Amino acid sequence: MAQTRRHFLQQVGIAGGAGVLYSTMSALGLTGLAETPAFAAPTRADLNGRPRKHVVILGAGIAGLTSAYELLKAGYQVTLLEARKRPGGRNWTVRGGASETDLAGVTQRARFSPGQYMNAGPARIPQHHVTLDYCRELGVAIEPFINQNADAYLYREGTTALSNKPIRHRTAKADVYGYVSELLAKATDQGALDSYLTATDKQALIGFLTSFGSIANKDGGFKYAGSGRRGYSVEPGAGTEGGTTEAPYALSDVFASGVGNYFSFEFGWDQAMMMFQPVGGMDRIPYAFERAIGREKIQYGAEVLGMRNTPDGVQVTYSTGGRPRVLAADFAICSLPPQIAAKIPSNLPTPVVDALKYARPTNAGKIGIEYGRRWWEEDLRIYGGITNSSLDTGNTWYPSTGFHGERGTVIGYYNTGTNANLYGALTPAGRLERAVAQGTKMHGEVYGRDIEASFSVNWAAAKHSEGAWVGWPSQTDGTYQRLLEPTGNVYFAGDHLSHAIAWQHGAMTSARATVTALHHRVVTSR
């Protein structure tokens, strides 16, 4: 058995090269790695003189662009069909002059000033995502994205003592961590955890809590009494000015408010600092791909009308300027959103079409508001970061660039689901009016002043997207898995075929997996 497997791997290595060999070993569980192995891009040498194959890629979003870019390294002929007039798909940076008409027939024209923009889709990149590797490879400059800011706000509507008032992150954290530490230190000191902790453990835990929560042992008991961590009413200054701190909010008020429920956001695998963004807008990535691939290989304004497996490959019908065209190729990679791919006439088997329909689109909304004065810096001393609220705006983002400039663009809301649908049902003017009314609750009347321009996106009504991303009822019941394998000569790719849905990383890793599978098929075919 072992000898047979060794012989098989030798043949794979001879036929397909190191990259294909490694992928095959990984599939057989022979790499010794529990995680996804390093990607080995296909090369011309792998083809070993085989005829050059033509791959048509449906959609020039991030998955489609990544697929084309990697296939070109091995000398494949590539054609991308993109219904929009730009690359990137949901990676969309809205700049002044951009015009967009949604599925409801509502047209907006962006009037942002030169240098101002909003990232309507992806806007941040975790440092462990492969997206940064492509930024390096393609020469896309990056800069920090401030995902968390101690001086941004938390805001909760309700009837508690802390409801309906903006609370700085640092203040909320100091009080929540302080009271949790106080209670746990008391329980530990009074023996409530003796069945779980040794004497040494108890001493170490109390030492940690004393530091973590800034608590003190006074009058024989542990107590959180506040500290400079939560901020100052009078800041430390020159001479004898040591600063004045205010007493913490009451314990019961802090827990009743729910302000601590947002803290776990920054612990998320994909949300922990550091985060990054391309200098000048997220669309720097798709346009860098476009340059590397070659503009002539991408047909914009090409809406796919049909796709078929044929005895010799695939046949794709599409329209440009109202004229139907037919393109034949050896293979197709469909990187369109599954809810759109499912509606395209094809000869795909019913179970595959059902798998595409199995995806559940999620809506998201954003509004970019350009201000003629950076009041969040000047008045509130907030430099980047996110204010989170229980309002229907969800999250408010302050720009992570252009500090101390004349103007700046705030993401007035980034919401999902029901809240996104609520704003999506309004006119663009109505969205701005509601967003300003909500933002004023958190920031004061300044939020409605000095507004120069705005642009809002309702992803459910965005042509060629019809959703911000998708979810799956299950990724383990066998339905999702149908799209991980080719159907005849048609392959699928996209962030929806990953466990990093809604991230460019997911689209890129899915594209790499698809390219690897297609390339392996080509180099091992006889």
Protein backbone atom coordinates (compact mmCIF):
# COMPACT_ATOMS: atom_id res chain seq x y z
CA MET A 1 0.00 0.00 0.00
CA ALA A 2 2.71 2.48 1.00
CA GLN A 3 4.76 1.57 -2.08
CA THR A 4 1.74 2.10 -4.34
CA ARG A 5 1.10 5.50 -2.78
CA ARG A 6 4.74 6.51 -3.19
CA HIS A 7 4.62 5.51 -6.86
CA PHE A 8 1.43 7.51 -7.35
CA LEU A 9 2.97 10.60 -5.77
CA GLN A 10 6.09 10.24 -7.89
CA GLN A 11 3.96 10.26 -11.02
CA VAL A 12 2.01 13.31 -9.81
CA GLY A 13 5.26 15.11 -9.09
CA ILE A 14 6.68 14.28 -12.51
CA ALA A 15 3.49 15.35 -14.28
CA GLY A 16 2.51 18.38 -12.27
CA GLY A 17 5.53 19.75 -10.46
CA ALA A 18 6.04 20.61 -6.82
CA GLY A 19 2.90 22.71 -6.40
CA VAL A 20 0.55 20.02 -7.62
CA LEU A 21 2.45 17.37 -5.68
CA TYR A 22 2.10 19.32 -2.47
CA SER A 23 -1.63 19.90 -3.03
CA THR A 24 -2.15 16.19 -3.67
CA MET A 25 -0.22 15.25 -0.52
CA SER A 26 -2.35 17.69 1.43
CA ALA A 27 -5.55 16.16 0.08
CA LEU A 28 -4.28 12.74 1.19
CA GLY A 29 -3.41 14.10 4.63
CA LEU A 30 0.33 13.49 4.12
CA THR A 31 1.71 16.98 4.73
CA GLY A 32 1.61 16.77 8.50
CA LEU A 33 -0.24 20.09 8.64
CA ALA A 34 -3.65 20.49 10.21
CA GLU A 35 -4.10 23.90 8.58
CA THR A 36 -4.36 24.87 4.92
CA PRO A 37 -0.94 24.38 3.29
CA ALA A 38 0.97 27.21 1.70
CA PHE A 39 -0.30 27.96 -1.78
CA ALA A 40 2.00 27.05 -4.64
CA ALA A 41 1.09 29.06 -7.72
CA PRO A 42 0.98 27.09 -11.00
CA THR A 43 3.90 27.64 -13.35
CA ARG A 44 4.54 27.21 -17.06
CA ALA A 45 6.92 24.38 -16.31
CA ASP A 46 4.08 22.38 -14.78
CA LEU A 47 2.32 22.13 -18.15
CA ASN A 48 5.35 20.41 -19.66
CA GLY A 49 4.51 21.33 -23.24
CA ARG A 50 0.75 20.63 -23.03
CA PRO A 51 -1.52 22.79 -25.21
CA ARG A 52 -2.50 26.09 -23.62
CA LYS A 53 -5.99 25.91 -22.16
CA HIS A 54 -8.52 28.74 -22.33
CA VAL A 55 -10.39 29.57 -19.12
CA VAL A 56 -13.34 31.95 -19.14
CA ILE A 57 -13.99 33.54 -15.75
CA LEU A 58 -17.44 34.84 -14.92
CA GLY A 59 -17.08 37.93 -12.77
CA ALA A 60 -14.08 40.21 -12.22
CA GLY A 61 -14.57 40.48 -8.49
CA ILE A 62 -11.74 39.54 -6.16
CA ALA A 63 -12.17 35.78 -6.68
CA GLY A 64 -12.28 36.16 -10.46
CA LEU A 65 -9.30 38.50 -10.56
CA THR A 66 -7.26 36.22 -8.30
CA SER A 67 -8.12 33.20 -10.46
CA ALA A 68 -7.06 34.98 -13.64
CA TYR A 69 -3.87 36.34 -12.10
CA GLU A 70 -2.72 32.93 -10.86
CA LEU A 71 -3.68 31.07 -14.05
CA LEU A 72 -1.72 33.53 -16.16
CA LYS A 73 1.43 32.62 -14.25
CA ALA A 74 1.22 29.19 -15.87
CA GLY A 75 0.42 30.52 -19.32
CA TYR A 76 -3.29 29.82 -19.51
CA GLN A 77 -5.38 31.91 -21.87
CA VAL A 78 -7.81 33.87 -19.74
CA THR A 79 -10.94 35.90 -20.49
CA LEU A 80 -12.87 37.67 -17.74
CA LEU A 81 -16.48 38.69 -18.26
CA GLU A 82 -17.65 41.46 -15.92
CA ALA A 83 -21.10 43.03 -16.02
CA ARG A 84 -19.93 46.22 -14.32
CA LYS A 85 -17.74 48.86 -15.93
CA ARG A 86 -15.03 48.37 -13.32
CA PRO A 87 -13.11 45.55 -11.60
CA GLY A 88 -13.58 44.48 -7.99
CA GLY A 89 -17.22 43.47 -7.64
CA ARG A 90 -18.18 44.31 -4.08
CA ASN A 91 -14.76 45.87 -3.59
CA TRP A 92 -16.06 49.28 -4.55
CA THR A 93 -14.60 52.64 -3.63
CA VAL A 94 -17.02 55.49 -4.35
CA ARG A 95 -15.34 58.72 -5.46
CA GLY A 96 -16.60 62.04 -6.71
CA GLY A 97 -18.27 61.72 -10.11
CA ALA A 98 -19.32 58.09 -9.67
CA SER A 99 -22.88 57.37 -10.73
CA GLU A 100 -24.86 54.29 -9.79
CA THR A 101 -28.43 53.17 -10.47
CA ASP A 102 -29.79 50.43 -8.25
CA LEU A 103 -32.33 47.71 -8.97
CA ALA A 104 -35.13 50.01 -7.79
CA GLY A 105 -34.15 52.54 -10.46
CA VAL A 106 -32.71 55.03 -7.95
CA THR A 107 -29.69 56.88 -9.32
CA GLN A 108 -27.09 58.57 -7.16
CA ARG A 109 -24.13 60.66 -8.25
CA ALA A 110 -21.30 61.00 -5.79
CA ARG A 111 -20.15 64.56 -5.16
CA PHE A 112 -17.22 63.87 -2.88
CA SER A 113 -14.35 66.36 -3.07
CA PRO A 114 -11.06 65.33 -4.70
CA GLY A 115 -9.25 62.94 -2.37
CA GLN A 116 -12.41 62.03 -0.47
CA TYR A 117 -14.06 58.64 -0.90
CA MET A 118 -15.97 55.88 0.85
CA ASN A 119 -15.28 52.17 0.69
CA ALA A 120 -18.77 50.88 0.04
CA GLY A 121 -17.75 47.25 0.43
CA PRO A 122 -14.67 45.86 2.18
CA ALA A 123 -12.78 48.51 4.11
CA ARG A 124 -10.29 46.79 6.40
CA ILE A 125 -7.74 44.00 6.18
CA PRO A 126 -6.57 41.85 9.11
CA GLN A 127 -2.83 41.39 9.23
CA HIS A 128 -3.00 37.60 8.83
CA HIS A 129 -5.13 37.70 5.68
CA VAL A 130 -3.58 36.73 2.36
CA THR A 131 -4.99 40.00 1.02
CA LEU A 132 -1.90 41.72 2.39
CA ASP A 133 0.34 39.27 0.53
CA TYR A 134 -1.30 40.32 -2.72
CA CYS A 135 -0.91 43.98 -1.75
CA ARG A 136 2.80 43.35 -1.40
CA GLU A 137 3.03 41.34 -4.61
CA LEU A 138 1.02 43.83 -6.64
CA GLY A 139 2.65 46.94 -5.17
CA VAL A 140 -0.43 48.27 -3.35
CA ALA A 141 0.66 50.60 -0.54
CA ILE A 142 -1.08 50.04 2.80
CA GLU A 143 -1.63 52.07 5.95
CA PRO A 144 -3.19 51.36 9.37
CA PHE A 145 -6.94 51.10 9.70
CA ILE A 146 -8.02 52.08 13.21
CA ASN A 147 -10.52 49.40 14.12
CA GLN A 148 -10.67 50.24 17.81
CA ASN A 149 -10.20 53.57 19.57
CA ALA A 150 -10.31 54.10 23.33
CA ASP A 151 -11.82 57.56 22.79
CA ALA A 152 -14.61 56.53 20.42
CA TYR A 153 -18.04 56.00 21.92
CA LEU A 154 -20.40 53.28 22.98
CA TYR A 155 -24.05 54.29 22.90
CA ARG A 156 -27.02 52.30 24.13
CA GLU A 157 -30.65 53.37 23.97
CA GLY A 158 -32.88 52.27 26.80
CA THR A 159 -34.04 53.10 30.30
CA THR A 160 -30.95 52.39 32.41
CA ALA A 161 -28.94 55.08 34.17
CA LEU A 162 -26.29 54.91 31.43
CA SER A 163 -28.69 54.75 28.49
CA ASN A 164 -28.93 57.50 25.88
CA LYS A 165 -25.52 58.97 26.59
CA PRO A 166 -22.24 58.51 24.72
CA ILE A 167 -19.65 56.69 26.84
CA ARG A 168 -16.02 56.52 25.84
CA HIS A 169 -14.66 53.04 25.21
CA ARG A 170 -11.94 53.59 27.80
CA THR A 171 -14.47 54.60 30.45
CA ALA A 172 -16.71 51.62 29.79
CA LYS A 173 -13.77 49.20 29.79
CA ALA A 174 -12.30 50.58 32.99
CA ASP A 175 -15.57 50.21 34.88
CA VAL A 176 -16.57 46.80 33.49
CA TYR A 177 -13.12 45.30 33.96
CA GLY A 178 -12.82 46.95 37.35
CA TYR A 179 -16.07 45.59 38.74
CA VAL A 180 -15.58 42.11 37.26
CA SER A 181 -12.13 42.02 38.84
CA GLU A 182 -13.50 43.22 42.17
CA LEU A 183 -16.18 40.54 42.28
CA LEU A 184 -13.86 37.74 41.21
CA ALA A 185 -11.17 38.83 43.67
CA LYS A 186 -13.70 38.87 46.50
CA ALA A 187 -15.01 35.43 45.57
CA THR A 188 -11.48 34.07 45.39
CA ASP A 189 -10.39 35.67 48.66
CA GLN A 190 -13.49 34.45 50.51
CA GLY A 191 -12.92 30.84 49.45
CA ALA A 192 -15.69 30.46 46.86
CA LEU A 193 -13.20 28.95 44.41
CA ASP A 194 -11.19 26.81 46.83
CA SER A 195 -12.35 23.60 45.15
CA TYR A 196 -10.86 24.84 41.86
CA LEU A 197 -7.75 26.74 42.94
CA THR A 198 -4.71 25.98 45.03
CA ALA A 199 -3.39 28.59 47.43
CA THR A 200 -0.74 29.49 44.88
CA ASP A 201 -3.37 29.76 42.14
CA LYS A 202 -5.47 32.08 44.31
CA GLN A 203 -2.53 34.35 45.00
CA ALA A 204 -1.63 34.50 41.31
CA LEU A 205 -5.23 35.17 40.26
CA ILE A 206 -5.71 37.98 42.76
CA GLY A 207 -2.41 39.49 41.63
CA PHE A 208 -3.63 39.43 38.05
CA LEU A 209 -7.03 40.91 38.93
CA THR A 210 -5.45 43.69 40.94
CA SER A 211 -3.56 44.79 37.85
CA PHE A 212 -6.18 43.96 35.24
CA GLY A 213 -9.04 45.76 36.97
CA SER A 214 -7.06 48.42 38.82
CA ILE A 215 -8.54 47.30 42.14
CA ALA A 216 -7.16 47.72 45.63
CA ASN A 217 -7.40 45.75 48.87
CA LYS A 218 -8.73 48.26 51.36
CA ASP A 219 -10.19 47.66 54.80
CA GLY A 220 -9.86 43.93 54.35
CA GLY A 221 -11.74 43.76 51.05
CA PHE A 222 -11.11 44.29 47.37
CA LYS A 223 -12.61 47.38 45.81
CA TYR A 224 -12.75 49.07 42.44
CA ALA A 225 -12.83 52.81 42.94
CA GLY A 226 -11.93 54.05 39.47
CA SER A 227 -8.64 55.32 38.10
CA GLY A 228 -7.15 57.40 35.35
CA ARG A 229 -7.87 54.53 32.98
CA ARG A 230 -11.44 55.72 32.59
CA GLY A 231 -10.37 59.27 31.74
CA TYR A 232 -10.20 62.60 33.56
CA SER A 233 -12.56 65.48 34.15
CA VAL A 234 -9.42 67.60 34.54
CA GLU A 235 -6.46 66.11 32.73
CA PRO A 236 -2.96 65.90 34.26
CA GLY A 237 -1.00 68.98 33.35
CA ALA A 238 1.85 71.27 34.28
CA GLY A 239 3.20 71.95 37.73
CA THR A 240 1.04 70.53 40.51
CA GLU A 241 -1.90 69.58 38.30
CA GLY A 242 -2.14 65.82 38.77
CA GLY A 243 -5.53 65.49 37.13
CA THR A 244 -8.99 64.84 38.49
CA THR A 245 -10.78 61.55 38.01
CA GLU A 246 -14.47 61.01 38.48
CA ALA A 247 -15.98 58.22 40.52
CA PRO A 248 -16.94 55.18 38.44
CA TYR A 249 -20.50 54.53 37.46
CA ALA A 250 -22.39 52.32 39.92
CA LEU A 251 -21.82 48.60 39.55
CA SER A 252 -25.45 47.71 38.85
CA ASP A 253 -25.75 50.55 36.32
CA VAL A 254 -22.68 49.38 34.43
CA PHE A 255 -23.92 45.82 34.07
CA ALA A 256 -27.51 46.85 33.33
CA SER A 257 -26.36 49.14 30.52
CA GLY A 258 -24.80 46.34 28.50
CA VAL A 259 -21.85 48.51 27.47
CA GLY A 260 -19.47 45.62 28.05
CA ASN A 261 -21.16 43.39 25.51
CA TYR A 262 -19.25 44.99 22.64
CA PHE A 263 -15.77 44.44 24.06
CA SER A 264 -15.42 41.00 22.52
CA PHE A 265 -15.49 42.57 19.05
CA GLU A 266 -11.80 43.39 19.18
CA PHE A 267 -10.94 39.85 20.32
CA GLY A 268 -12.26 38.39 17.07
CA TRP A 269 -9.77 36.55 14.89
CA ASP A 270 -10.61 38.85 11.97
CA GLN A 271 -11.10 42.08 13.94
CA ALA A 272 -8.09 42.30 16.26
CA MET A 273 -5.65 45.14 15.73
CA MET A 274 -3.58 45.69 13.70
CA MET A 275 -5.85 46.25 10.75
CA PHE A 276 -4.88 47.84 7.43
CA GLN A 277 -6.32 49.56 4.39
CA PRO A 278 -4.83 50.43 0.99
CA VAL A 279 -3.63 54.00 0.69
CA GLY A 280 -6.21 55.89 -1.34
CA GLY A 281 -9.07 53.40 -1.21
CA MET A 282 -9.76 49.66 -1.21
CA ASP A 283 -10.21 49.61 -4.99
CA ARG A 284 -6.45 50.03 -5.33
CA ILE A 285 -6.41 46.22 -5.05
CA PRO A 286 -8.69 45.33 -8.03
CA TYR A 287 -7.10 47.99 -10.22
CA ALA A 288 -3.66 46.56 -9.39
CA PHE A 289 -4.97 43.14 -10.41
CA GLU A 290 -6.31 44.67 -13.63
CA ARG A 291 -2.86 46.07 -14.48
CA ALA A 292 -1.15 42.76 -13.73
CA ILE A 293 -3.68 40.71 -15.72
CA GLY A 294 -3.95 43.11 -18.65
CA ARG A 295 -6.94 45.32 -19.36
CA GLU A 296 -7.44 43.64 -22.72
CA LYS A 297 -8.29 40.33 -21.04
CA ILE A 298 -11.30 41.81 -19.23
CA GLN A 299 -14.56 42.54 -21.02
CA TYR A 300 -16.53 45.09 -19.01
CA GLY A 301 -20.25 45.57 -19.49
CA ALA A 302 -20.50 41.85 -20.27
CA GLU A 303 -23.55 40.35 -18.59
CA VAL A 304 -23.66 36.55 -18.58
CA LEU A 305 -26.86 35.17 -20.13
CA GLY A 306 -26.09 31.47 -20.11
CA MET A 307 -23.44 28.83 -19.51
CA ARG A 308 -23.22 25.26 -20.69
CA ASN A 309 -20.93 22.33 -20.41
CA THR A 310 -20.09 20.96 -23.86
CA PRO A 311 -18.25 17.80 -24.96
CA ASP A 312 -15.17 19.91 -25.63
CA GLY A 313 -15.35 22.40 -22.77
CA VAL A 314 -17.80 25.18 -22.01
CA GLN A 315 -19.92 27.69 -23.85
CA VAL A 316 -20.86 31.03 -22.31
CA THR A 317 -23.44 33.42 -23.73
CA TYR A 318 -23.18 37.06 -22.72
CA SER A 319 -24.23 40.49 -23.92
CA THR A 320 -22.31 43.69 -24.42
CA GLY A 321 -24.17 46.79 -25.50
CA GLY A 322 -27.31 44.75 -26.05
CA ARG A 323 -25.60 42.36 -28.48
CA PRO A 324 -25.54 38.67 -27.53
CA ARG A 325 -22.22 36.90 -27.97
CA VAL A 326 -21.03 33.34 -27.52
CA LEU A 327 -17.63 32.38 -26.14
CA ALA A 328 -16.22 28.86 -26.18
CA ALA A 329 -13.43 27.83 -23.82
CA ASP A 330 -11.94 24.74 -22.26
CA PHE A 331 -13.05 25.59 -18.71
CA ALA A 332 -15.13 28.16 -16.85
CA ILE A 333 -14.73 29.51 -13.34
CA CYS A 334 -17.97 31.00 -12.07
CA SER A 335 -17.18 33.56 -9.38
CA LEU A 336 -20.57 35.26 -9.46
CA PRO A 337 -22.59 35.51 -6.25
CA PRO A 338 -24.45 32.19 -5.89
CA GLN A 339 -27.88 33.82 -5.79
CA ILE A 340 -27.15 35.33 -9.21
CA ALA A 341 -25.42 32.28 -10.68
CA ALA A 342 -28.49 30.19 -9.77
CA LYS A 343 -30.67 32.30 -12.08
CA ILE A 344 -28.45 32.00 -15.15
CA PRO A 345 -29.80 29.49 -17.69
CA SER A 346 -27.47 26.51 -17.86
CA ASN A 347 -27.29 22.76 -18.22
CA LEU A 348 -25.87 22.37 -14.73
CA PRO A 349 -27.44 19.45 -12.84
CA THR A 350 -30.40 20.33 -10.62
CA PRO A 351 -28.52 19.47 -7.38
CA VAL A 352 -25.82 22.00 -8.29
CA VAL A 353 -28.36 24.73 -9.06
CA ASP A 354 -30.11 23.87 -5.80
CA ALA A 355 -26.78 24.26 -4.00
CA LEU A 356 -26.42 27.75 -5.46
CA LYS A 357 -29.95 28.58 -4.29
CA TYR A 358 -29.09 27.23 -0.84
CA ALA A 359 -27.08 30.38 -0.08
CA ARG A 360 -28.88 33.04 1.96
CA PRO A 361 -28.00 36.64 0.97
CA THR A 362 -27.41 39.14 3.76
CA ASN A 363 -28.00 42.84 3.27
CA ALA A 364 -25.71 45.60 4.49
CA GLY A 365 -25.89 49.35 4.18
CA LYS A 366 -23.37 52.18 4.35
CA ILE A 367 -23.45 55.91 4.01
CA GLY A 368 -20.45 58.14 3.53
CA ILE A 369 -20.86 61.70 4.78
CA GLU A 370 -18.22 64.24 3.80
CA TYR A 371 -17.78 67.12 6.24
CA GLY A 372 -16.07 70.40 5.56
CA ARG A 373 -14.56 70.34 9.06
CA ARG A 374 -13.08 67.41 10.98
CA TRP A 375 -15.15 68.10 14.10
CA TRP A 376 -14.63 64.59 15.51
CA GLU A 377 -10.95 65.44 15.89
CA GLU A 378 -11.24 69.13 16.75
CA ASP A 379 -14.18 68.96 19.16
CA LEU A 380 -14.23 65.38 20.46
CA ARG A 381 -10.57 64.35 20.01
CA ILE A 382 -11.51 61.15 18.21
CA TYR A 383 -8.83 60.13 15.73
CA GLY A 384 -10.14 57.18 13.78
CA GLY A 385 -11.92 54.13 15.14
CA ILE A 386 -15.53 53.10 15.48
CA THR A 387 -18.46 54.21 17.62
CA ASN A 388 -20.81 51.31 18.21
CA SER A 389 -24.45 51.85 19.14
CA SER A 390 -27.74 50.06 19.57
CA LEU A 391 -29.28 52.56 17.15
CA ASP A 392 -30.27 51.42 13.69
CA THR A 393 -27.07 52.99 12.36
CA GLY A 394 -25.07 50.18 13.97
CA ASN A 395 -21.53 51.48 13.59
CA THR A 396 -20.07 54.90 12.81
CA TRP A 397 -16.54 54.96 11.39
CA TYR A 398 -14.19 57.91 11.63
CA PRO A 399 -11.56 58.12 8.87
CA SER A 400 -8.19 56.51 9.54
CA THR A 401 -6.35 58.92 7.27
CA GLY A 402 -6.15 62.64 6.50
CA PHE A 403 -5.67 63.64 10.14
CA HIS A 404 -5.73 67.40 10.78
CA GLY A 405 -6.88 67.94 7.21
CA GLU A 406 -9.52 70.43 6.14
CA ARG A 407 -12.24 67.85 5.53
CA GLY A 408 -13.00 64.17 5.93
CA THR A 409 -15.58 61.47 5.22
CA VAL A 410 -17.32 59.60 8.04
CA ILE A 411 -19.16 56.33 7.52
CA GLY A 412 -22.38 57.47 9.15
CA TYR A 413 -23.80 53.98 9.34
CA TYR A 414 -22.63 50.48 8.62
CA ASN A 415 -25.54 48.21 9.41
CA THR A 416 -26.83 44.82 8.39
CA GLY A 417 -30.03 42.79 8.18
CA THR A 418 -33.24 44.51 9.25
CA ASN A 419 -31.55 47.86 9.85
CA ALA A 420 -29.95 47.78 6.41
CA ASN A 421 -33.34 47.00 4.88
CA LEU A 422 -34.88 49.90 6.81
CA TYR A 423 -32.42 52.40 5.37
CA GLY A 424 -32.46 50.72 1.96
CA ALA A 425 -36.19 51.38 1.66
CA LEU A 426 -35.58 55.14 2.01
CA THR A 427 -34.50 57.54 -0.68
CA PRO A 428 -30.85 58.62 -0.54
CA ALA A 429 -31.99 61.94 0.94
CA GLY A 430 -34.10 60.10 3.50
CA ARG A 431 -31.15 57.88 4.47
CA LEU A 432 -28.99 60.93 5.11
CA GLU A 433 -31.71 62.66 7.13
CA ARG A 434 -32.23 59.61 9.34
CA ALA A 435 -28.51 58.96 9.73
CA VAL A 436 -27.91 62.56 10.81
CA ALA A 437 -30.78 62.44 13.31
CA GLN A 438 -29.33 59.28 14.87
CA GLY A 439 -25.76 60.53 14.77
CA THR A 440 -26.79 63.72 16.52
CA LYS A 441 -27.93 61.68 19.53
CA MET A 442 -24.36 60.46 20.00
CA HIS A 443 -22.30 63.44 18.86
CA GLY A 444 -24.49 66.50 19.35
CA GLU A 445 -25.72 69.08 16.88
CA VAL A 446 -22.30 69.29 15.24
CA TYR A 447 -23.13 66.05 13.45
CA GLY A 448 -25.58 67.85 11.17
CA ARG A 449 -23.35 70.79 10.31
CA ASP A 450 -20.79 71.34 7.54
CA ILE A 451 -22.05 68.44 5.43
CA GLU A 452 -20.60 68.73 1.93
CA ALA A 453 -21.72 65.48 0.27
CA SER A 454 -23.07 62.01 0.92
CA PHE A 455 -23.50 58.69 -0.84
CA SER A 456 -25.34 55.63 0.43
CA VAL A 457 -25.34 51.98 -0.60
CA ASN A 458 -28.04 49.37 -0.14
CA TRP A 459 -26.33 46.15 -1.14
CA ALA A 460 -29.55 44.15 -1.54
CA ALA A 461 -30.51 46.48 -4.38
CA ALA A 462 -27.04 46.70 -5.95
CA LYS A 463 -27.00 45.43 -9.53
CA HIS A 464 -24.93 42.29 -10.08
CA SER A 465 -24.58 41.73 -6.31
CA GLU A 466 -28.07 41.55 -4.77
CA GLY A 467 -26.61 41.27 -1.30
CA ALA A 468 -23.52 42.12 0.70
CA TRP A 469 -22.55 38.49 1.29
CA VAL A 470 -24.24 35.16 1.86
CA GLY A 471 -24.63 32.69 4.67
CA TRP A 472 -25.32 28.97 4.49
CA PRO A 473 -27.89 27.08 6.56
CA SER A 474 -25.12 24.49 6.83
CA GLN A 475 -21.65 24.01 5.39
CA THR A 476 -21.50 20.39 6.47
CA ASP A 477 -24.72 18.78 5.22
CA GLY A 478 -23.38 18.00 1.75
CA THR A 479 -25.18 20.74 -0.19
CA TYR A 480 -22.44 23.37 0.11
CA GLN A 481 -19.83 20.74 -0.78
CA ARG A 482 -21.35 20.27 -4.26
CA LEU A 483 -19.91 23.64 -5.27
CA LEU A 484 -16.41 22.75 -4.09
CA GLU A 485 -16.08 20.23 -6.92
CA PRO A 486 -16.28 20.99 -10.64
CA THR A 487 -19.42 20.19 -12.57
CA GLY A 488 -18.06 18.98 -15.87
CA ASN A 489 -15.80 21.80 -16.98
CA VAL A 490 -17.41 24.45 -14.77
CA TYR A 491 -15.69 25.38 -11.51
CA PHE A 492 -16.88 27.74 -8.79
CA ALA A 493 -15.00 30.26 -6.64
CA GLY A 494 -15.81 33.09 -4.24
CA ASP A 495 -15.73 34.10 -0.62
CA HIS A 496 -19.01 32.19 -0.21
CA LEU A 497 -17.01 29.00 -0.78
CA SER A 498 -14.79 29.57 2.22
CA HIS A 499 -14.89 29.96 5.96
CA ALA A 500 -13.93 33.62 5.58
CA ILE A 501 -17.18 34.78 4.05
CA ALA A 502 -17.47 38.55 3.45
CA TRP A 503 -13.68 38.95 3.43
CA GLN A 504 -11.45 39.34 0.38
CA HIS A 505 -9.26 36.71 2.01
CA GLY A 506 -12.09 34.22 1.56
CA ALA A 507 -12.43 35.06 -2.14
CA MET A 508 -8.69 34.78 -2.66
CA THR A 509 -8.23 31.48 -0.85
CA SER A 510 -11.25 30.01 -2.66
CA ALA A 511 -9.81 31.15 -5.99
CA ARG A 512 -6.46 29.58 -5.14
CA ALA A 513 -8.13 26.28 -4.28
CA THR A 514 -10.05 26.35 -7.56
CA VAL A 515 -6.98 27.22 -9.60
CA THR A 516 -5.04 24.42 -7.91
CA ALA A 517 -7.78 21.89 -8.67
CA LEU A 518 -8.17 22.98 -12.29
CA HIS A 519 -4.42 23.03 -12.86
CA HIS A 520 -4.01 19.60 -11.28
CA ARG A 521 -6.66 18.25 -13.64
CA VAL A 522 -4.88 19.71 -16.67
CA VAL A 523 -1.39 18.51 -15.80
CA THR A 524 -2.49 14.99 -14.86
CA SER A 525 -4.78 14.47 -17.85
CA ARG A 526 -3.57 12.33 -20.70
